């Protein structure tokens, strides 16, 4: 079971909102909206995606990584490495 299973509908709702923001951005460009207004909306969409990513990361740490550590063995080290790499990717973005 994935860590976000209990919040799956919330995650999907947030992603649908981001999808709507992306469609809105397309409409803005098609309508030749002012560059700064488009950039402002891109920033909002980016922040919304980052919020989803942080929520998923929190669920992963609280569920998947915690269970792997409790079980011990090489699986725990792998989950910690995966989480560290995911954090590194988020920090770089």
N, C-alpha and C. Protein backbone atom coordinates (compact mmCIF):
# COMPACT_ATOMS: atom_id res chain seq x y z
N UNK A 1 0.85 -1.18 0.00
CA UNK A 1 0.00 0.00 0.00
C UNK A 1 0.89 1.24 0.00
N UNK A 2 0.53 2.23 -0.80
CA UNK A 2 1.29 3.48 -0.86
C UNK A 2 0.96 4.37 0.33
N UNK A 3 1.90 5.24 0.68
CA UNK A 3 1.73 6.09 1.85
C UNK A 3 0.58 7.07 1.74
N UNK A 4 0.22 7.49 0.54
CA UNK A 4 -0.83 8.49 0.38
C UNK A 4 -2.21 7.86 0.18
N UNK A 5 -2.34 6.56 0.37
CA UNK A 5 -3.59 5.86 0.10
C UNK A 5 -4.78 6.50 0.82
N UNK A 6 -4.59 6.87 2.07
CA UNK A 6 -5.71 7.44 2.83
C UNK A 6 -6.09 8.83 2.35
N UNK A 7 -5.15 9.53 1.68
CA UNK A 7 -5.39 10.88 1.19
C UNK A 7 -5.46 10.94 -0.34
N UNK A 8 -5.70 9.81 -0.96
CA UNK A 8 -5.64 9.74 -2.42
C UNK A 8 -6.58 10.75 -3.08
N UNK A 9 -7.80 10.87 -2.58
CA UNK A 9 -8.76 11.79 -3.17
C UNK A 9 -8.32 13.24 -3.02
N UNK A 10 -7.68 13.56 -1.91
CA UNK A 10 -7.16 14.92 -1.70
C UNK A 10 -6.03 15.20 -2.69
N UNK A 11 -5.14 14.23 -2.85
CA UNK A 11 -4.03 14.38 -3.80
C UNK A 11 -4.58 14.57 -5.22
N UNK A 12 -5.54 13.75 -5.59
CA UNK A 12 -6.13 13.86 -6.93
C UNK A 12 -6.81 15.21 -7.13
N UNK A 13 -7.50 15.70 -6.10
CA UNK A 13 -8.16 17.01 -6.20
C UNK A 13 -7.14 18.12 -6.41
N UNK A 14 -6.04 18.04 -5.68
CA UNK A 14 -4.99 19.05 -5.84
C UNK A 14 -4.39 18.99 -7.23
N UNK A 15 -4.18 17.79 -7.75
CA UNK A 15 -3.61 17.65 -9.09
C UNK A 15 -4.58 18.14 -10.16
N UNK A 16 -5.88 17.93 -9.94
CA UNK A 16 -6.87 18.45 -10.89
C UNK A 16 -6.86 19.98 -10.88
N UNK A 17 -6.65 20.56 -9.72
CA UNK A 17 -6.56 22.02 -9.63
C UNK A 17 -5.36 22.52 -10.43
N UNK A 18 -4.23 21.84 -10.28
CA UNK A 18 -3.03 22.21 -11.05
C UNK A 18 -3.29 22.06 -12.54
N UNK A 19 -3.98 20.99 -12.90
CA UNK A 19 -4.33 20.78 -14.31
C UNK A 19 -5.17 21.94 -14.83
N UNK A 20 -6.11 22.41 -14.03
CA UNK A 20 -6.92 23.56 -14.41
C UNK A 20 -6.08 24.82 -14.55
N UNK A 21 -5.11 24.97 -13.64
CA UNK A 21 -4.21 26.12 -13.75
C UNK A 21 -3.41 26.07 -15.05
N UNK A 22 -2.95 24.89 -15.44
CA UNK A 22 -2.19 24.74 -16.68
C UNK A 22 -3.06 25.07 -17.88
N UNK A 23 -4.31 24.64 -17.87
CA UNK A 23 -5.22 24.99 -18.96
C UNK A 23 -5.46 26.50 -19.00
N UNK A 24 -5.57 27.09 -17.82
CA UNK A 24 -5.73 28.54 -17.75
C UNK A 24 -4.53 29.27 -18.32
N UNK A 25 -3.35 28.74 -18.07
CA UNK A 25 -2.12 29.33 -18.63
C UNK A 25 -2.15 29.27 -20.16
N UNK A 26 -2.60 28.15 -20.69
CA UNK A 26 -2.70 28.02 -22.14
C UNK A 26 -3.65 29.07 -22.71
N UNK A 27 -4.78 29.25 -22.03
CA UNK A 27 -5.75 30.25 -22.49
C UNK A 27 -5.16 31.66 -22.42
N UNK A 28 -4.39 31.92 -21.36
CA UNK A 28 -3.76 33.23 -21.21
C UNK A 28 -2.80 33.51 -22.37
N UNK A 29 -2.01 32.52 -22.73
CA UNK A 29 -1.06 32.70 -23.83
C UNK A 29 -1.81 32.86 -25.15
N UNK A 30 -2.84 32.04 -25.35
CA UNK A 30 -3.63 32.15 -26.58
C UNK A 30 -4.28 33.53 -26.69
N UNK A 31 -4.63 34.13 -25.55
CA UNK A 31 -5.28 35.44 -25.54
C UNK A 31 -4.27 36.59 -25.48
N UNK A 32 -2.99 36.25 -25.59
CA UNK A 32 -1.92 37.26 -25.57
C UNK A 32 -1.96 38.12 -24.30
N UNK A 33 -2.17 37.46 -23.17
CA UNK A 33 -2.17 38.17 -21.88
C UNK A 33 -0.78 38.73 -21.60
N UNK A 34 -0.73 39.70 -20.72
CA UNK A 34 0.51 40.37 -20.32
C UNK A 34 1.48 39.35 -19.71
N UNK A 35 2.75 39.44 -20.12
CA UNK A 35 3.79 38.47 -19.71
C UNK A 35 3.85 38.29 -18.19
N UNK A 36 3.83 39.38 -17.46
CA UNK A 36 3.95 39.30 -16.01
C UNK A 36 2.76 38.56 -15.40
N UNK A 37 1.58 38.75 -15.97
CA UNK A 37 0.41 38.02 -15.47
C UNK A 37 0.56 36.52 -15.71
N UNK A 38 1.09 36.14 -16.86
CA UNK A 38 1.32 34.72 -17.16
C UNK A 38 2.36 34.16 -16.19
N UNK A 39 3.44 34.91 -15.98
CA UNK A 39 4.49 34.46 -15.06
C UNK A 39 3.96 34.31 -13.64
N UNK A 40 3.08 35.21 -13.24
CA UNK A 40 2.48 35.12 -11.90
C UNK A 40 1.67 33.84 -11.76
N UNK A 41 0.92 33.50 -12.80
CA UNK A 41 0.12 32.27 -12.76
C UNK A 41 1.01 31.03 -12.83
N UNK A 42 2.11 31.10 -13.56
CA UNK A 42 3.06 29.98 -13.58
C UNK A 42 3.62 29.76 -12.19
N UNK A 43 3.93 30.85 -11.50
CA UNK A 43 4.44 30.74 -10.14
C UNK A 43 3.41 30.07 -9.22
N UNK A 44 2.15 30.44 -9.37
CA UNK A 44 1.09 29.84 -8.55
C UNK A 44 0.96 28.34 -8.84
N UNK A 45 1.02 27.97 -10.10
CA UNK A 45 0.92 26.55 -10.47
C UNK A 45 2.13 25.77 -9.94
N UNK A 46 3.29 26.38 -10.01
CA UNK A 46 4.50 25.75 -9.49
C UNK A 46 4.39 25.51 -7.99
N UNK A 47 3.92 26.51 -7.28
CA UNK A 47 3.75 26.38 -5.83
C UNK A 47 2.74 25.29 -5.49
N UNK A 48 1.67 25.21 -6.27
CA UNK A 48 0.67 24.17 -6.04
C UNK A 48 1.26 22.78 -6.25
N UNK A 49 2.07 22.61 -7.28
CA UNK A 49 2.74 21.32 -7.50
C UNK A 49 3.73 21.01 -6.38
N UNK A 50 4.45 22.02 -5.93
CA UNK A 50 5.38 21.82 -4.82
C UNK A 50 4.64 21.39 -3.55
N UNK A 51 3.47 21.95 -3.32
CA UNK A 51 2.68 21.57 -2.14
C UNK A 51 2.26 20.11 -2.23
N UNK A 52 1.87 19.66 -3.42
CA UNK A 52 1.51 18.25 -3.60
C UNK A 52 2.74 17.38 -3.36
N UNK A 53 3.88 17.79 -3.90
CA UNK A 53 5.11 17.01 -3.73
C UNK A 53 5.49 16.90 -2.26
N UNK A 54 5.39 17.99 -1.52
CA UNK A 54 5.74 17.95 -0.10
C UNK A 54 4.78 17.06 0.69
N UNK A 55 3.51 17.10 0.35
CA UNK A 55 2.54 16.23 1.02
C UNK A 55 2.85 14.76 0.74
N UNK A 56 3.18 14.45 -0.53
CA UNK A 56 3.53 13.07 -0.87
C UNK A 56 4.81 12.64 -0.17
N UNK A 57 5.77 13.53 -0.08
CA UNK A 57 7.02 13.22 0.60
C UNK A 57 6.77 12.94 2.08
N UNK A 58 5.94 13.76 2.69
CA UNK A 58 5.60 13.54 4.10
C UNK A 58 4.94 12.19 4.30
N UNK A 59 4.00 11.85 3.41
CA UNK A 59 3.35 10.54 3.50
C UNK A 59 4.36 9.42 3.30
N UNK A 60 5.28 9.60 2.37
CA UNK A 60 6.29 8.57 2.10
C UNK A 60 7.17 8.35 3.33
N UNK A 61 7.61 9.45 3.92
CA UNK A 61 8.45 9.33 5.11
C UNK A 61 7.68 8.69 6.27
N UNK A 62 6.45 9.12 6.45
CA UNK A 62 5.65 8.62 7.57
C UNK A 62 5.17 7.21 7.39
N UNK A 63 5.06 6.73 6.17
CA UNK A 63 4.53 5.40 5.94
C UNK A 63 5.61 4.44 5.42
N UNK A 64 6.06 4.67 4.20
CA UNK A 64 6.97 3.74 3.55
C UNK A 64 8.33 3.65 4.25
N UNK A 65 8.93 4.79 4.53
CA UNK A 65 10.24 4.79 5.17
C UNK A 65 10.14 4.27 6.60
N UNK A 66 9.13 4.70 7.32
CA UNK A 66 8.94 4.23 8.70
C UNK A 66 8.79 2.72 8.75
N UNK A 67 7.95 2.18 7.87
CA UNK A 67 7.75 0.71 7.86
C UNK A 67 9.05 -0.02 7.49
N UNK A 68 9.80 0.52 6.55
CA UNK A 68 11.05 -0.12 6.15
C UNK A 68 12.06 -0.10 7.30
N UNK A 69 12.12 1.00 8.03
CA UNK A 69 13.04 1.08 9.16
C UNK A 69 12.64 0.10 10.25
N UNK A 70 11.34 0.02 10.51
CA UNK A 70 10.85 -0.92 11.53
C UNK A 70 11.18 -2.36 11.13
N UNK A 71 11.11 -2.67 9.83
CA UNK A 71 11.42 -4.01 9.36
C UNK A 71 12.92 -4.28 9.36
N UNK A 72 13.71 -3.20 9.20
CA UNK A 72 15.16 -3.34 9.20
C UNK A 72 15.69 -3.93 7.91
N UNK A 73 16.97 -4.20 7.90
CA UNK A 73 17.61 -4.81 6.74
C UNK A 73 17.93 -3.82 5.64
N UNK A 74 18.36 -4.35 4.49
CA UNK A 74 18.77 -3.48 3.38
C UNK A 74 17.61 -2.67 2.80
N UNK A 75 16.40 -3.13 2.98
CA UNK A 75 15.24 -2.38 2.50
C UNK A 75 15.13 -1.02 3.15
N UNK A 76 15.52 -0.95 4.42
CA UNK A 76 15.47 0.33 5.14
C UNK A 76 16.46 1.31 4.53
N UNK A 77 17.65 0.86 4.28
CA UNK A 77 18.67 1.73 3.69
C UNK A 77 18.24 2.21 2.31
N UNK A 78 17.61 1.34 1.54
CA UNK A 78 17.14 1.70 0.20
C UNK A 78 16.05 2.77 0.28
N UNK A 79 15.11 2.62 1.19
CA UNK A 79 14.04 3.62 1.34
C UNK A 79 14.60 4.96 1.78
N UNK A 80 15.57 4.96 2.66
CA UNK A 80 16.19 6.21 3.10
C UNK A 80 16.91 6.87 1.93
N UNK A 81 17.62 6.08 1.13
CA UNK A 81 18.32 6.60 -0.04
C UNK A 81 17.32 7.20 -1.03
N UNK A 82 16.23 6.49 -1.29
CA UNK A 82 15.21 6.99 -2.20
C UNK A 82 14.64 8.32 -1.71
N UNK A 83 14.34 8.39 -0.41
CA UNK A 83 13.78 9.62 0.15
C UNK A 83 14.78 10.77 0.04
N UNK A 84 16.04 10.49 0.31
CA UNK A 84 17.08 11.51 0.21
C UNK A 84 17.19 12.02 -1.22
N UNK A 85 17.14 11.12 -2.20
CA UNK A 85 17.20 11.52 -3.60
C UNK A 85 15.98 12.34 -4.00
N UNK A 86 14.81 11.96 -3.50
CA UNK A 86 13.59 12.71 -3.79
C UNK A 86 13.67 14.12 -3.21
N UNK A 87 14.18 14.24 -2.00
CA UNK A 87 14.36 15.55 -1.37
C UNK A 87 15.33 16.39 -2.18
N UNK A 88 16.42 15.78 -2.63
CA UNK A 88 17.41 16.49 -3.43
C UNK A 88 16.78 17.02 -4.73
N UNK A 89 15.94 16.20 -5.37
CA UNK A 89 15.28 16.65 -6.59
C UNK A 89 14.34 17.83 -6.31
N UNK A 90 13.63 17.77 -5.19
CA UNK A 90 12.72 18.86 -4.86
C UNK A 90 13.47 20.14 -4.56
N UNK A 91 14.60 20.02 -3.89
CA UNK A 91 15.40 21.20 -3.53
C UNK A 91 15.95 21.86 -4.79
N UNK A 92 16.34 21.05 -5.78
CA UNK A 92 16.90 21.58 -7.02
C UNK A 92 15.86 22.24 -7.89
N UNK A 93 14.60 21.85 -7.75
CA UNK A 93 13.57 22.40 -8.64
C UNK A 93 13.08 23.75 -8.23
